[in-house]
Amino acid sequence: MSDESAITEPGMSHETKILAAGTLIGALVGLAGAFLLIKNNERKGTELNVSAGEVVKLSLIIMALLKTWPFTQFPLDF
């Protein structure tokens, strides 16, 4: 007796496609943000001073925003 649920279609799964797209979008947005930050400091003539603490704070803010996004169910509870 064969189990039909064990048969998988070739190619990437739906979850893998979403993760790949999210990774690509996140990398592009991060790159664009860094580029704009650097160009803004060059235009002002100031030196870029970003501490590790500021990066951690920004990361936590982004995670909190993703958690409140209406279509996501983030598995982390912080």
PDB file of N, CA and C in Angstrom:
ATOM      1  N   MET A   1       0.843  -1.172   0.000  1.00  0.00           N
ATOM      2  CA  MET A   1       0.000   0.000   0.000  1.00  0.00           C
ATOM      3  C   MET A   1       0.893   1.241   0.000  1.00  0.00           C
ATOM      4  N   SER A   2       0.652   2.162  -0.895  1.00  0.00           N
ATOM      5  CA  SER A   2       1.490   3.351  -0.989  1.00  0.00           C
ATOM      6  C   SER A   2       0.834   4.512  -0.255  1.00  0.00           C
ATOM      7  N   ASP A   3       1.682   5.345   0.310  1.00  0.00           N
ATOM      8  CA  ASP A   3       1.220   6.533   1.028  1.00  0.00           C
ATOM      9  C   ASP A   3       1.388   7.736   0.105  1.00  0.00           C
ATOM     10  N   GLU A   4       0.275   8.361  -0.285  1.00  0.00           N
ATOM     11  CA  GLU A   4       0.330   9.486  -1.220  1.00  0.00           C
ATOM     12  C   GLU A   4       0.988  10.720  -0.611  1.00  0.00           C
ATOM     13  N   SER A   5       0.945  10.851   0.718  1.00  0.00           N
ATOM     14  CA  SER A   5       1.557  12.018   1.345  1.00  0.00           C
ATOM     15  C   SER A   5       3.081  11.943   1.309  1.00  0.00           C
ATOM     16  N   ALA A   6       3.645  10.772   1.071  1.00  0.00           N
ATOM     17  CA  ALA A   6       5.094  10.622   1.009  1.00  0.00           C
ATOM     18  C   ALA A   6       5.654  11.061  -0.339  1.00  0.00           C
ATOM     19  N   ILE A   7       4.789  11.217  -1.331  1.00  0.00           N
ATOM     20  CA  ILE A   7       5.231  11.637  -2.659  1.00  0.00           C
ATOM     21  C   ILE A   7       5.408  13.151  -2.653  1.00  0.00           C
ATOM     22  N   THR A   8       6.583  13.596  -3.043  1.00  0.00           N
ATOM     23  CA  THR A   8       6.840  15.032  -3.088  1.00  0.00           C
ATOM     24  C   THR A   8       7.135  15.445  -4.515  1.00  0.00           C
ATOM     25  N   GLU A   9       6.794  16.668  -4.810  1.00  0.00           N
ATOM     26  CA  GLU A   9       7.072  17.212  -6.130  1.00  0.00           C
ATOM     27  C   GLU A   9       8.524  17.669  -6.194  1.00  0.00           C
ATOM     28  N   PRO A  10       9.136  17.555  -7.359  1.00  0.00           N
ATOM     29  CA  PRO A  10      10.521  18.037  -7.466  1.00  0.00           C
ATOM     30  C   PRO A  10      10.577  19.558  -7.387  1.00  0.00           C
ATOM     31  N   GLY A  11      11.692  20.067  -6.929  1.00  0.00           N
ATOM     32  CA  GLY A  11      11.864  21.511  -6.833  1.00  0.00           C
ATOM     33  C   GLY A  11      11.780  21.985  -5.405  1.00  0.00           C
ATOM     34  N   MET A  12      11.785  23.311  -5.258  1.00  0.00           N
ATOM     35  CA  MET A  12      11.762  23.899  -3.921  1.00  0.00           C
ATOM     36  C   MET A  12      10.356  23.894  -3.349  1.00  0.00           C
ATOM     37  N   SER A  13      10.272  23.719  -2.020  1.00  0.00           N
ATOM     38  CA  SER A  13       8.979  23.775  -1.360  1.00  0.00           C
ATOM     39  C   SER A  13       8.534  25.236  -1.227  1.00  0.00           C
ATOM     40  N   HIS A  14       7.288  25.408  -0.866  1.00  0.00           N
ATOM     41  CA  HIS A  14       6.722  26.747  -0.705  1.00  0.00           C
ATOM     42  C   HIS A  14       7.473  27.506   0.390  1.00  0.00           C
ATOM     43  N   GLU A  15       7.788  26.842   1.500  1.00  0.00           N
ATOM     44  CA  GLU A  15       8.503  27.481   2.603  1.00  0.00           C
ATOM     45  C   GLU A  15       9.902  27.908   2.183  1.00  0.00           C
ATOM     46  N   THR A  16      10.581  27.072   1.396  1.00  0.00           N
ATOM     47  CA  THR A  16      11.930  27.401   0.940  1.00  0.00           C
ATOM     48  C   THR A  16      11.909  28.627   0.036  1.00  0.00           C
ATOM     49  N   LYS A  17      10.915  28.721  -0.822  1.00  0.00           N
ATOM     50  CA  LYS A  17      10.799  29.882  -1.709  1.00  0.00           C
ATOM     51  C   LYS A  17      10.568  31.162  -0.908  1.00  0.00           C
ATOM     52  N   ILE A  18       9.728  31.086   0.124  1.00  0.00           N
ATOM     53  CA  ILE A  18       9.450  32.257   0.958  1.00  0.00           C
ATOM     54  C   ILE A  18      10.701  32.676   1.720  1.00  0.00           C
ATOM     55  N   LEU A  19      11.428  31.699   2.271  1.00  0.00           N
ATOM     56  CA  LEU A  19      12.660  32.021   2.989  1.00  0.00           C
ATOM     57  C   LEU A  19      13.707  32.640   2.060  1.00  0.00           C
ATOM     58  N   ALA A  20      13.828  32.106   0.867  1.00  0.00           N
ATOM     59  CA  ALA A  20      14.795  32.642  -0.091  1.00  0.00           C
ATOM     60  C   ALA A  20      14.416  34.066  -0.491  1.00  0.00           C
ATOM     61  N   ALA A  21      13.142  34.296  -0.754  1.00  0.00           N
ATOM     62  CA  ALA A  21      12.687  35.641  -1.138  1.00  0.00           C
ATOM     63  C   ALA A  21      12.881  36.614   0.016  1.00  0.00           C
ATOM     64  N   GLY A  22      12.554  36.202   1.236  1.00  0.00           N
ATOM     65  CA  GLY A  22      12.732  37.069   2.398  1.00  0.00           C
ATOM     66  C   GLY A  22      14.187  37.404   2.648  1.00  0.00           C
ATOM     67  N   THR A  23      15.060  36.416   2.462  1.00  0.00           N
ATOM     68  CA  THR A  23      16.493  36.649   2.627  1.00  0.00           C
ATOM     69  C   THR A  23      17.002  37.648   1.600  1.00  0.00           C
ATOM     70  N   LEU A  24      16.590  37.477   0.366  1.00  0.00           N
ATOM     71  CA  LEU A  24      17.026  38.384  -0.697  1.00  0.00           C
ATOM     72  C   LEU A  24      16.500  39.802  -0.465  1.00  0.00           C
ATOM     73  N   ILE A  25      15.242  39.919  -0.108  1.00  0.00           N
ATOM     74  CA  ILE A  25      14.652  41.239   0.139  1.00  0.00           C
ATOM     75  C   ILE A  25      15.324  41.902   1.335  1.00  0.00           C
ATOM     76  N   GLY A  26      15.547  41.142   2.401  1.00  0.00           N
ATOM     77  CA  GLY A  26      16.208  41.690   3.588  1.00  0.00           C
ATOM     78  C   GLY A  26      17.620  42.158   3.296  1.00  0.00           C
ATOM     79  N   ALA A  27      18.350  41.380   2.506  1.00  0.00           N
ATOM     80  CA  ALA A  27      19.720  41.772   2.152  1.00  0.00           C
ATOM     81  C   ALA A  27      19.728  43.042   1.313  1.00  0.00           C
ATOM     82  N   LEU A  28      18.807  43.144   0.373  1.00  0.00           N
ATOM     83  CA  LEU A  28      18.740  44.343  -0.479  1.00  0.00           C
ATOM     84  C   LEU A  28      18.338  45.576   0.316  1.00  0.00           C
ATOM     85  N   VAL A  29      17.385  45.421   1.224  1.00  0.00           N
ATOM     86  CA  VAL A  29      16.962  46.555   2.044  1.00  0.00           C
ATOM     87  C   VAL A  29      18.099  46.980   2.972  1.00  0.00           C
ATOM     88  N   GLY A  30      18.803  46.015   3.561  1.00  0.00           N
ATOM     89  CA  GLY A  30      19.938  46.339   4.422  1.00  0.00           C
ATOM     90  C   GLY A  30      21.053  47.034   3.667  1.00  0.00           C
ATOM     91  N   LEU A  31      21.338  46.559   2.468  1.00  0.00           N
ATOM     92  CA  LEU A  31      22.371  47.182   1.634  1.00  0.00           C
ATOM     93  C   LEU A  31      21.981  48.611   1.254  1.00  0.00           C
ATOM     94  N   ALA A  32      20.721  48.797   0.888  1.00  0.00           N
ATOM     95  CA  ALA A  32      20.252  50.141   0.531  1.00  0.00           C
ATOM     96  C   ALA A  32      20.312  51.070   1.739  1.00  0.00           C
ATOM     97  N   GLY A  33      19.943  50.581   2.916  1.00  0.00           N
ATOM     98  CA  GLY A  33      20.001  51.398   4.124  1.00  0.00           C
ATOM     99  C   GLY A  33      21.427  51.802   4.464  1.00  0.00           C
ATOM    100  N   ALA A  34      22.351  50.860   4.360  1.00  0.00           N
ATOM    101  CA  ALA A  34      23.753  51.163   4.633  1.00  0.00           C
ATOM    102  C   ALA A  34      24.298  52.174   3.624  1.00  0.00           C
ATOM    103  N   PHE A  35      23.946  52.002   2.365  1.00  0.00           N
ATOM    104  CA  PHE A  35      24.387  52.930   1.320  1.00  0.00           C
ATOM    105  C   PHE A  35      23.875  54.340   1.601  1.00  0.00           C
ATOM    106  N   LEU A  36      22.586  54.446   1.955  1.00  0.00           N
ATOM    107  CA  LEU A  36      22.015  55.762   2.235  1.00  0.00           C
ATOM    108  C   LEU A  36      22.643  56.393   3.470  1.00  0.00           C
ATOM    109  N   LEU A  37      22.938  55.590   4.487  1.00  0.00           N
ATOM    110  CA  LEU A  37      23.572  56.100   5.692  1.00  0.00           C
ATOM    111  C   LEU A  37      24.961  56.646   5.388  1.00  0.00           C
ATOM    112  N   ILE A  38      25.724  55.916   4.601  1.00  0.00           N
ATOM    113  CA  ILE A  38      27.067  56.355   4.228  1.00  0.00           C
ATOM    114  C   ILE A  38      27.007  57.624   3.381  1.00  0.00           C
ATOM    115  N   LYS A  39      26.135  57.645   2.387  1.00  0.00           N
ATOM    116  CA  LYS A  39      26.034  58.826   1.519  1.00  0.00           C
ATOM    117  C   LYS A  39      25.550  60.050   2.291  1.00  0.00           C
ATOM    118  N   ASN A  40      24.641  59.860   3.237  1.00  0.00           N
ATOM    119  CA  ASN A  40      24.152  60.976   4.041  1.00  0.00           C
ATOM    120  C   ASN A  40      25.282  61.558   4.888  1.00  0.00           C
ATOM    121  N   ASN A  41      26.119  60.702   5.473  1.00  0.00           N
ATOM    122  CA  ASN A  41      27.248  61.192   6.266  1.00  0.00           C
ATOM    123  C   ASN A  41      28.291  61.861   5.394  1.00  0.00           C
ATOM    124  N   GLU A  42      28.513  61.363   4.184  1.00  0.00           N
ATOM    125  CA  GLU A  42      29.452  62.019   3.264  1.00  0.00           C
ATOM    126  C   GLU A  42      28.950  63.401   2.875  1.00  0.00           C
ATOM    127  N   ARG A  43      27.656  63.511   2.643  1.00  0.00           N
ATOM    128  CA  ARG A  43      27.070  64.793   2.252  1.00  0.00           C
ATOM    129  C   ARG A  43      27.187  65.819   3.383  1.00  0.00           C
ATOM    130  N   LYS A  44      26.984  65.347   4.621  1.00  0.00           N
ATOM    131  CA  LYS A  44      27.097  66.235   5.777  1.00  0.00           C
ATOM    132  C   LYS A  44      28.550  66.513   6.148  1.00  0.00           C
ATOM    133  N   GLY A  45      29.448  65.675   5.668  1.00  0.00           N
ATOM    134  CA  GLY A  45      30.855  65.843   6.009  1.00  0.00           C
ATOM    135  C   GLY A  45      31.205  65.310   7.382  1.00  0.00           C
ATOM    136  N   THR A  46      30.390  64.426   7.906  1.00  0.00           N
ATOM    137  CA  THR A  46      30.647  63.841   9.223  1.00  0.00           C
ATOM    138  C   THR A  46      31.144  62.409   9.077  1.00  0.00           C
ATOM    139  N   GLU A  47      31.786  61.940  10.151  1.00  0.00           N
ATOM    140  CA  GLU A  47      32.283  60.566  10.151  1.00  0.00           C
ATOM    141  C   GLU A  47      31.209  59.640  10.722  1.00  0.00           C
ATOM    142  N   LEU A  48      31.126  58.454  10.189  1.00  0.00           N
ATOM    143  CA  LEU A  48      30.125  57.479  10.624  1.00  0.00           C
ATOM    144  C   LEU A  48      30.567  56.841  11.933  1.00  0.00           C
ATOM    145  N   ASN A  49      29.782  57.028  12.991  1.00  0.00           N
ATOM    146  CA  ASN A  49      30.064  56.446  14.299  1.00  0.00           C
ATOM    147  C   ASN A  49      28.855  55.635  14.739  1.00  0.00           C
ATOM    148  N   VAL A  50      28.938  54.322  14.584  1.00  0.00           N
ATOM    149  CA  VAL A  50      27.857  53.430  14.987  1.00  0.00           C
ATOM    150  C   VAL A  50      28.439  52.425  15.972  1.00  0.00           C
ATOM    151  N   SER A  51      27.868  52.388  17.174  1.00  0.00           N
ATOM    152  CA  SER A  51      28.363  51.458  18.188  1.00  0.00           C
ATOM    153  C   SER A  51      27.639  50.123  18.077  1.00  0.00           C
ATOM    154  N   ALA A  52      28.215  49.113  18.706  1.00  0.00           N
ATOM    155  CA  ALA A  52      27.590  47.787  18.711  1.00  0.00           C
ATOM    156  C   ALA A  52      26.239  47.828  19.419  1.00  0.00           C
ATOM    157  N   GLY A  53      26.139  48.651  20.462  1.00  0.00           N
ATOM    158  CA  GLY A  53      24.870  48.780  21.185  1.00  0.00           C
ATOM    159  C   GLY A  53      23.764  49.342  20.310  1.00  0.00           C
ATOM    160  N   GLU A  54      24.101  50.305  19.459  1.00  0.00           N
ATOM    161  CA  GLU A  54      23.104  50.877  18.548  1.00  0.00           C
ATOM    162  C   GLU A  54      22.630  49.843  17.537  1.00  0.00           C
ATOM    163  N   VAL A  55      23.548  48.991  17.084  1.00  0.00           N
ATOM    164  CA  VAL A  55      23.182  47.943  16.125  1.00  0.00           C
ATOM    165  C   VAL A  55      22.236  46.937  16.789  1.00  0.00           C
ATOM    166  N   VAL A  56      22.519  46.573  18.042  1.00  0.00           N
ATOM    167  CA  VAL A  56      21.654  45.636  18.769  1.00  0.00           C
ATOM    168  C   VAL A  56      20.269  46.256  18.972  1.00  0.00           C
ATOM    169  N   LYS A  57      20.220  47.529  19.361  1.00  0.00           N
ATOM    170  CA  LYS A  57      18.936  48.211  19.549  1.00  0.00           C
ATOM    171  C   LYS A  57      18.131  48.236  18.253  1.00  0.00           C
ATOM    172  N   LEU A  58      18.793  48.564  17.159  1.00  0.00           N
ATOM    173  CA  LEU A  58      18.112  48.611  15.870  1.00  0.00           C
ATOM    174  C   LEU A  58      17.596  47.228  15.480  1.00  0.00           C
ATOM    175  N   SER A  59      18.390  46.204  15.715  1.00  0.00           N
ATOM    176  CA  SER A  59      17.963  44.837  15.404  1.00  0.00           C
ATOM    177  C   SER A  59      16.733  44.442  16.204  1.00  0.00           C
ATOM    178  N   LEU A  60      16.704  44.785  17.489  1.00  0.00           N
ATOM    179  CA  LEU A  60      15.539  44.469  18.326  1.00  0.00           C
ATOM    180  C   LEU A  60      14.295  45.239  17.877  1.00  0.00           C
ATOM    181  N   ILE A  61      14.485  46.482  17.453  1.00  0.00           N
ATOM    182  CA  ILE A  61      13.349  47.268  16.946  1.00  0.00           C
ATOM    183  C   ILE A  61      12.788  46.631  15.680  1.00  0.00           C
ATOM    184  N   ILE A  62      13.675  46.203  14.791  1.00  0.00           N
ATOM    185  CA  ILE A  62      13.224  45.561  13.550  1.00  0.00           C
ATOM    186  C   ILE A  62      12.493  44.267  13.856  1.00  0.00           C
ATOM    187  N   MET A  63      13.014  43.467  14.799  1.00  0.00           N
ATOM    188  CA  MET A  63      12.338  42.218  15.164  1.00  0.00           C
ATOM    189  C   MET A  63      10.962  42.498  15.766  1.00  0.00           C
ATOM    190  N   ALA A  64      10.853  43.549  16.589  1.00  0.00           N
ATOM    191  CA  ALA A  64       9.559  43.914  17.171  1.00  0.00           C
ATOM    192  C   ALA A  64       8.586  44.357  16.082  1.00  0.00           C
ATOM    193  N   LEU A  65       9.080  45.104  15.086  1.00  0.00           N
ATOM    194  CA  LEU A  65       8.211  45.513  13.983  1.00  0.00           C
ATOM    195  C   LEU A  65       7.735  44.306  13.176  1.00  0.00           C
ATOM    196  N   LEU A  66       8.633  43.354  12.946  1.00  0.00           N
ATOM    197  CA  LEU A  66       8.240  42.148  12.216  1.00  0.00           C
ATOM    198  C   LEU A  66       7.219  41.337  12.999  1.00  0.00           C
ATOM    199  N   LYS A  67       7.359  41.338  14.324  1.00  0.00           N
ATOM    200  CA  LYS A  67       6.425  40.586  15.159  1.00  0.00           C
ATOM    201  C   LYS A  67       5.024  41.182  15.086  1.00  0.00           C
ATOM    202  N   THR A  68       4.927  42.504  14.957  1.00  0.00           N
ATOM    203  CA  THR A  68       3.620  43.150  14.913  1.00  0.00           C
ATOM    204  C   THR A  68       3.051  43.223  13.501  1.00  0.00           C
ATOM    205  N   TRP A  69       3.827  42.809  12.514  1.00  0.00           N
ATOM    206  CA  TRP A  69       3.346  42.813  11.133  1.00  0.00           C
ATOM    207  C   TRP A  69       2.095  41.943  11.054  1.00  0.00           C
ATOM    208  N   PRO A  70       1.041  42.380  10.386  1.00  0.00           N
ATOM    209  CA  PRO A  70      -0.234  41.660  10.434  1.00  0.00           C
ATOM    210  C   PRO A  70      -0.215  40.259   9.822  1.00  0.00           C
ATOM    211  N   PHE A  71       0.716  39.960   8.946  1.00  0.00           N
ATOM    212  CA  PHE A  71       0.674  38.674   8.265  1.00  0.00           C
ATOM    213  C   PHE A  71       1.696  37.679   8.807  1.00  0.00           C
ATOM    214  N   THR A  72       2.462  38.063   9.813  1.00  0.00           N
ATOM    215  CA  THR A  72       3.485  37.169  10.336  1.00  0.00           C
ATOM    216  C   THR A  72       3.084  36.631  11.691  1.00  0.00           C
ATOM    217  N   GLN A  73       3.547  35.429  11.949  1.00  0.00           N
ATOM    218  CA  GLN A  73       3.400  34.838  13.264  1.00  0.00           C
ATOM    219  C   GLN A  73       4.801  34.449  13.699  1.00  0.00           C
ATOM    220  N   PHE A  74       5.495  35.430  14.276  1.00  0.00           N
ATOM    221  CA  PHE A  74       6.896  35.245  14.647  1.00  0.00           C
ATOM    222  C   PHE A  74       6.974  34.264  15.813  1.00  0.00           C
ATOM    223  N   PRO A  75       7.808  33.222  15.733  1.00  0.00           N
ATOM    224  CA  PRO A  75       7.856  32.225  16.793  1.00  0.00           C
ATOM    225  C   PRO A  75       8.533  32.709  18.067  1.00  0.00           C
ATOM    226  N   LEU A  76       9.226  33.832  18.023  1.00  0.00           N
ATOM    227  CA  LEU A  76       9.908  34.339  19.215  1.00  0.00           C
ATOM    228  C   LEU A  76       8.970  35.200  20.028  1.00  0.00           C
ATOM    229  N   ASP A  77       9.028  35.036  21.329  1.00  0.00           N
ATOM    230  CA  ASP A  77       8.231  35.866  22.220  1.00  0.00           C
ATOM    231  C   ASP A  77       9.182  36.645  23.113  1.00  0.00           C
ATOM    232  N   PHE A  78       9.466  37.884  22.732  1.00  0.00           N
ATOM    233  CA  PHE A  78      10.383  38.701  23.522  1.00  0.00           C
ATOM    234  C   PHE A  78       9.691  39.939  24.009  1.00  0.00           C
TER     235      PHE A  78
END
